[in-house]
Each structure stands twice: as C-alpha cells, then as structure tokens.
C-alpha atoms as a PDB file:
ATOM      1  CA  MET A   1      62.443  62.666 225.586  1.00  0.00           C
ATOM      2  CA  HIS A   2      66.349  61.800 225.839  1.00  0.00           C
ATOM      3  CA  ILE A   3      68.006  60.011 222.972  1.00  0.00           C
ATOM      4  CA  ALA A   4      70.654  57.242 223.254  1.00  0.00           C
ATOM      5  CA  GLN A   5      73.218  57.054 220.584  1.00  0.00           C
ATOM      6  CA  THR A   6      76.153  55.335 222.397  1.00  0.00           C
ATOM      7  CA  ILE A   7      76.630  51.837 223.873  1.00  0.00           C
ATOM      8  CA  ARG A   8      78.588  51.926 227.247  1.00  0.00           C
ATOM      9  CA  HIS A   9      80.470  48.426 227.594  1.00  0.00           C
ATOM     10  CA  HIS A  10      81.518  46.809 230.905  1.00  0.00           C
ATOM     11  CA  LEU A  11      79.284  48.695 233.258  1.00  0.00           C
ATOM     12  CA  HIS A  12      80.142  48.554 237.111  1.00  0.00           C
ATOM     13  CA  ASP A  13      77.235  48.251 239.256  1.00  0.00           C
ATOM     14  CA  ASP A  14      77.152  51.951 240.171  1.00  0.00           C
ATOM     15  CA  THR A  15      77.375  53.297 237.083  1.00  0.00           C
ATOM     16  CA  ALA A  16      73.833  53.107 235.826  1.00  0.00           C
ATOM     17  CA  GLN A  17      71.162  55.297 236.983  1.00  0.00           C
ATOM     18  CA  ASP A  18      68.159  52.799 235.671  1.00  0.00           C
ATOM     19  CA  THR A  19      67.802  49.394 233.719  1.00  0.00           C
ATOM     20  CA  VAL A  20      65.988  48.449 230.731  1.00  0.00           C
ATOM     21  CA  THR A  21      65.182  44.861 230.642  1.00  0.00           C
ATOM     22  CA  LEU A  22      64.883  43.342 227.070  1.00  0.00           C
ATOM     23  CA  ASP A  23      64.726  39.635 225.595  1.00  0.00           C
ATOM     24  CA  TYR A  24      67.188  38.391 222.964  1.00  0.00           C
ATOM     25  CA  GLU A  25      65.131  39.952 220.083  1.00  0.00           C
ATOM     26  CA  ALA A  26      64.673  43.213 221.397  1.00  0.00           C
ATOM     27  CA  ARG A  27      68.389  43.626 222.161  1.00  0.00           C
ATOM     28  CA  PHE A  28      68.900  43.605 218.284  1.00  0.00           C
ATOM     29  CA  ILE A  29      68.323  47.233 217.667  1.00  0.00           C
ATOM     30  CA  ARG A  30      68.948  50.381 215.882  1.00  0.00           C
ATOM     31  CA  ARG A  31      66.250  52.882 216.203  1.00  0.00           C
ATOM     32  CA  LYS A  32      63.426  52.283 218.727  1.00  0.00           C
ATOM     33  CA  LYS A  33      61.587  53.859 221.656  1.00  0.00           C
ATOM     34  CA  LEU A  34      62.163  52.170 224.913  1.00  0.00           C
ATOM     35  CA  THR A  35      60.837  52.469 228.379  1.00  0.00           C
ATOM     36  CA  SER A  36      63.067  51.801 231.380  1.00  0.00           C
ATOM     37  CA  ASP A  37      62.331  49.566 234.159  1.00  0.00           C
ATOM     38  CA  GLY A  38      61.940  52.773 236.148  1.00  0.00           C
ATOM     39  CA  GLY A  39      59.256  54.241 233.861  1.00  0.00           C
ATOM     40  CA  GLU A  40      61.375  56.550 231.852  1.00  0.00           C
ATOM     41  CA  ALA A  41      60.636  56.526 227.919  1.00  0.00           C
ATOM     42  CA  PHE A  42      63.864  57.091 225.890  1.00  0.00           C
ATOM     43  CA  LEU A  43      64.801  56.725 222.126  1.00  0.00           C
ATOM     44  CA  VAL A  44      67.698  54.484 220.956  1.00  0.00           C
ATOM     45  CA  GLU A  45      69.181  56.122 217.723  1.00  0.00           C
ATOM     46  CA  LEU A  46      72.403  53.846 216.956  1.00  0.00           C
ATOM     47  CA  ALA A  47      74.544  54.403 213.654  1.00  0.00           C
ATOM     48  CA  GLU A  48      73.866  50.842 212.725  1.00  0.00           C
ATOM     49  CA  THR A  49      71.968  47.901 213.874  1.00  0.00           C
ATOM     50  CA  ARG A  50      73.526  45.832 216.612  1.00  0.00           C
ATOM     51  CA  SER A  51      73.122  43.341 219.190  1.00  0.00           C
ATOM     52  CA  VAL A  52      73.250  44.996 222.606  1.00  0.00           C
ATOM     53  CA  ASN A  53      74.137  42.964 225.622  1.00  0.00           C
ATOM     54  CA  ASP A  54      73.201  42.218 229.240  1.00  0.00           C
ATOM     55  CA  GLY A  55      75.783  44.433 231.180  1.00  0.00           C
ATOM     56  CA  GLU A  56      76.311  47.032 228.585  1.00  0.00           C
ATOM     57  CA  GLY A  57      74.308  50.324 228.965  1.00  0.00           C
ATOM     58  CA  PHE A  58      72.756  53.113 226.919  1.00  0.00           C
ATOM     59  CA  GLN A  59      74.487  56.549 227.219  1.00  0.00           C
ATOM     60  CA  LEU A  60      71.722  59.252 227.355  1.00  0.00           C
ATOM     61  CA  ASP A  61      72.257  62.481 225.873  1.00  0.00           C
ATOM     62  CA  ASP A  62      72.431  64.123 229.431  1.00  0.00           C
ATOM     63  CA  GLY A  63      75.004  61.604 230.561  1.00  0.00           C
ATOM     64  CA  ARG A  64      73.093  59.089 232.555  1.00  0.00           C
ATOM     65  CA  VAL A  65      73.411  55.412 231.676  1.00  0.00           C
ATOM     66  CA  ILE A  66      70.509  52.959 231.465  1.00  0.00           C
ATOM     67  CA  ALA A  67      71.900  49.487 231.972  1.00  0.00           C
ATOM     68  CA  ILE A  68      70.722  46.671 229.719  1.00  0.00           C
ATOM     69  CA  ARG A  69      69.461  43.581 231.462  1.00  0.00           C
ATOM     70  CA  ALA A  70      68.565  40.125 229.526  1.00  0.00           C
ATOM     71  CA  ALA A  71      64.925  39.462 230.337  1.00  0.00           C
ATOM     72  CA  SER A  72      63.857  35.805 231.192  1.00  0.00           C
ATOM     73  CA  GLU A  73      62.386  33.830 228.518  1.00  0.00           C
ATOM     74  CA  SER A  74      61.478  30.053 227.522  1.00  0.00           C
ATOM     75  CA  LEU A  75      64.639  27.862 227.008  1.00  0.00           C
ATOM     76  CA  LEU A  76      65.593  24.351 226.581  1.00  0.00           C
ATOM     77  CA  ALA A  77      68.568  23.071 228.341  1.00  0.00           C
ATOM     78  CA  VAL A  78      70.415  20.422 226.160  1.00  0.00           C
ATOM     79  CA  ARG A  79      72.635  17.911 227.947  1.00  0.00           C
ATOM     80  CA  HIS A  80      74.448  15.118 226.074  1.00  0.00           C
ATOM     81  CA  GLU A  81      77.573  12.940 226.677  1.00  0.00           C
ATOM     82  CA  ASN A  82      79.262  14.377 223.448  1.00  0.00           C
ATOM     83  CA  LEU A  83      78.090  18.053 223.934  1.00  0.00           C
ATOM     84  CA  PRO A  84      80.462  19.317 220.821  1.00  0.00           C
ATOM     85  CA  ARG A  85      78.380  16.915 218.580  1.00  0.00           C
ATOM     86  CA  ILE A  86      75.305  18.437 219.870  1.00  0.00           C
ATOM     87  CA  ALA A  87      76.650  21.869 219.398  1.00  0.00           C
ATOM     88  CA  TRP A  88      77.621  21.310 216.094  1.00  0.00           C
ATOM     89  CA  HIS A  89      74.136  20.312 215.013  1.00  0.00           C
ATOM     90  CA  ILE A  90      72.734  23.289 216.737  1.00  0.00           C
ATOM     91  CA  GLY A  91      75.041  25.611 214.773  1.00  0.00           C
ATOM     92  CA  ASN A  92      74.495  24.114 211.564  1.00  0.00           C
ATOM     93  CA  ARG A  93      70.858  25.017 211.951  1.00  0.00           C
ATOM     94  CA  HIS A  94      72.058  28.650 212.649  1.00  0.00           C
ATOM     95  CA  THR A  95      70.462  28.677 216.118  1.00  0.00           C
ATOM     96  CA  PRO A  96      71.707  31.189 218.803  1.00  0.00           C
ATOM     97  CA  CYS A  97      73.100  29.046 221.471  1.00  0.00           C
ATOM     98  CA  GLN A  98      74.286  29.903 224.981  1.00  0.00           C
ATOM     99  CA  ILE A  99      77.195  27.615 226.183  1.00  0.00           C
ATOM    100  CA  CYS A 100      77.207  26.585 229.849  1.00  0.00           C
ATOM    101  CA  GLY A 101      79.682  24.027 231.388  1.00  0.00           C
ATOM    102  CA  ASP A 102      77.850  21.045 231.105  1.00  0.00           C
ATOM    103  CA  HIS A 103      74.928  21.931 228.984  1.00  0.00           C
ATOM    104  CA  LEU A 104      73.639  24.433 226.067  1.00  0.00           C
ATOM    105  CA  LEU A 105      70.816  26.679 226.069  1.00  0.00           C
ATOM    106  CA  ILE A 106      68.824  27.498 223.230  1.00  0.00           C
ATOM    107  CA  ARG A 107      65.330  29.171 222.787  1.00  0.00           C
ATOM    108  CA  ASP A 108      62.187  27.000 222.918  1.00  0.00           C
ATOM    109  CA  ASP A 109      61.717  25.330 219.666  1.00  0.00           C
ATOM    110  CA  SER A 110      59.564  22.099 219.299  1.00  0.00           C
ATOM    111  CA  VAL A 111      61.235  21.124 216.050  1.00  0.00           C
ATOM    112  CA  LEU A 112      64.826  21.277 217.355  1.00  0.00           C
ATOM    113  CA  GLN A 113      63.729  19.444 220.757  1.00  0.00           C
ATOM    114  CA  ALA A 114      62.611  16.608 218.930  1.00  0.00           C
ATOM    115  CA  MET A 115      65.613  16.563 216.459  1.00  0.00           C
ATOM    116  CA  LEU A 116      67.963  16.922 219.705  1.00  0.00           C
ATOM    117  CA  GLU A 117      66.057  14.249 221.542  1.00  0.00           C
ATOM    118  CA  ARG A 118      66.589  11.870 218.293  1.00  0.00           C
ATOM    119  CA  LEU A 119      70.106  12.577 218.573  1.00  0.00           C
ATOM    120  CA  GLY A 120      70.075  11.345 222.372  1.00  0.00           C
ATOM    121  CA  ALA A 121      70.170  14.594 224.062  1.00  0.00           C
ATOM    122  CA  THR A 122      68.239  15.143 227.174  1.00  0.00           C
ATOM    123  CA  VAL A 123      66.187  18.484 226.741  1.00  0.00           C
ATOM    124  CA  SER A 124      64.592  20.285 229.625  1.00  0.00           C
ATOM    125  CA  PRO A 125      62.623  23.231 229.586  1.00  0.00           C
ATOM    126  CA  LEU A 126      63.416  26.563 231.584  1.00  0.00           C
ATOM    127  CA  THR A 127      62.914  30.199 232.106  1.00  0.00           C
ATOM    128  CA  ALA A 128      66.069  32.162 232.322  1.00  0.00           C
ATOM    129  CA  PRO A 129      67.942  35.152 230.731  1.00  0.00           C
ATOM    130  CA  PHE A 130      69.358  34.165 227.259  1.00  0.00           C
ATOM    131  CA  ARG A 131      72.852  35.371 226.492  1.00  0.00           C
ATOM    132  CA  PRO A 132      74.078  33.312 223.576  1.00  0.00           C
ATOM    133  CA  GLU A 133      77.516  33.481 221.808  1.00  0.00           C
ATOM    134  CA  GLY A 134      78.049  36.184 219.320  1.00  0.00           C
ATOM    135  CA  GLY A 135      79.134  35.316 215.705  1.00  0.00           C
ATOM    136  CA  ALA A 136      82.493  34.395 214.814  1.00  0.00           C
ATOM    137  CA  PHE A 137      82.754  36.837 211.934  1.00  0.00           C
ATOM    138  CA  GLY A 138      81.628  40.065 213.854  1.00  0.00           C
ATOM    139  CA  HIS A 139      80.364  41.296 217.143  1.00  0.00           C
ATOM    140  CA  GLY A 140      77.246  40.055 218.843  1.00  0.00           C
ATOM    141  CA  ARG A 141      75.003  38.605 216.115  1.00  0.00           C
ATOM    142  CA  THR A 142      75.896  37.953 212.469  1.00  0.00           C
ATOM    143  CA  HIS A 143      73.400  38.363 209.640  1.00  0.00           C
ATOM    144  CA  GLY A 144      73.299  38.432 205.675  1.00  0.00           C
ATOM    145  CA  HIS A 145      76.221  36.203 205.471  1.00  0.00           C
ATOM    146  CA  GLN A 146      76.710  33.819 202.426  1.00  0.00           C
ATOM    147  CA  HIS A 147      78.106  30.374 202.312  1.00  0.00           C
END
C-alpha cells in the first residue's frame, strides 16, 4: 500500500492520476487509510493534523498524486439583506461558513436554521460541496483556541 506524507497545493487539472472525494469532516486528517475514487487504497500519514482542501492532492511515495475533491453534502444557503450581521452570528457560534457573493453556506443544522430564520434570514436546503473559509489564526480549520 502506498503512503502519502506530503500535500501538493494548487494542482493543475493534468497533475493528478486519481481523485479522492471527501466530505468536510473527512478532510480534517493526520493518519488514515483512504480509498481513491479509482479504487486504490492508500495511507495518509501527515506530520500533524490538518485540513486538506479541494484542489490539493496527496503525493504518494511513488510520486503519483491523488487529487482531493470536496464531496457534496447537506447544506443550508443563508440569505439576508444585512449579510454581514448574519455572518457575525454564524461566526459567533464557531460554525464553519462558506462565503458566496449573495449568500452564505453552512452545514445543515436545524438549531442554527431556526436561529437564522428568527433573525430574518431566508434559509434554503441544498446539496453541494462545502468549502468554508479557513480560520484567521491558522491555515484551514483552527481548534483548541482560547478566548
């Protein structure tokens, strides 16, 4: 079984020999056995836990690259005339959020949906890849921070 210990950034379409499609949770990784979309099992063994992103790739020990793709998952599209205010409320709850031009995307959550609707937001379910913003104090997701 091949091992990936390196992440390649900003892949060109012709760089990868295969892909692996992972949801948001599965893209937070340090050591795990994965199976590519083409059926090849490989081991990811990174130096530290990190968030890998759609468009990056796992560099295998034989030089091949398996591109990382974001899987479609259940999301909520959030719209409001004062989107920065809504974004503040989402961020205040430490909820991952993808910022799109006229709306925000968050993972499907009935409690957050009810709160956002009480604030006057229009919330619509959809299925799409989730690519939230990274943390301000680190690359990708942040965790274990203190207030």
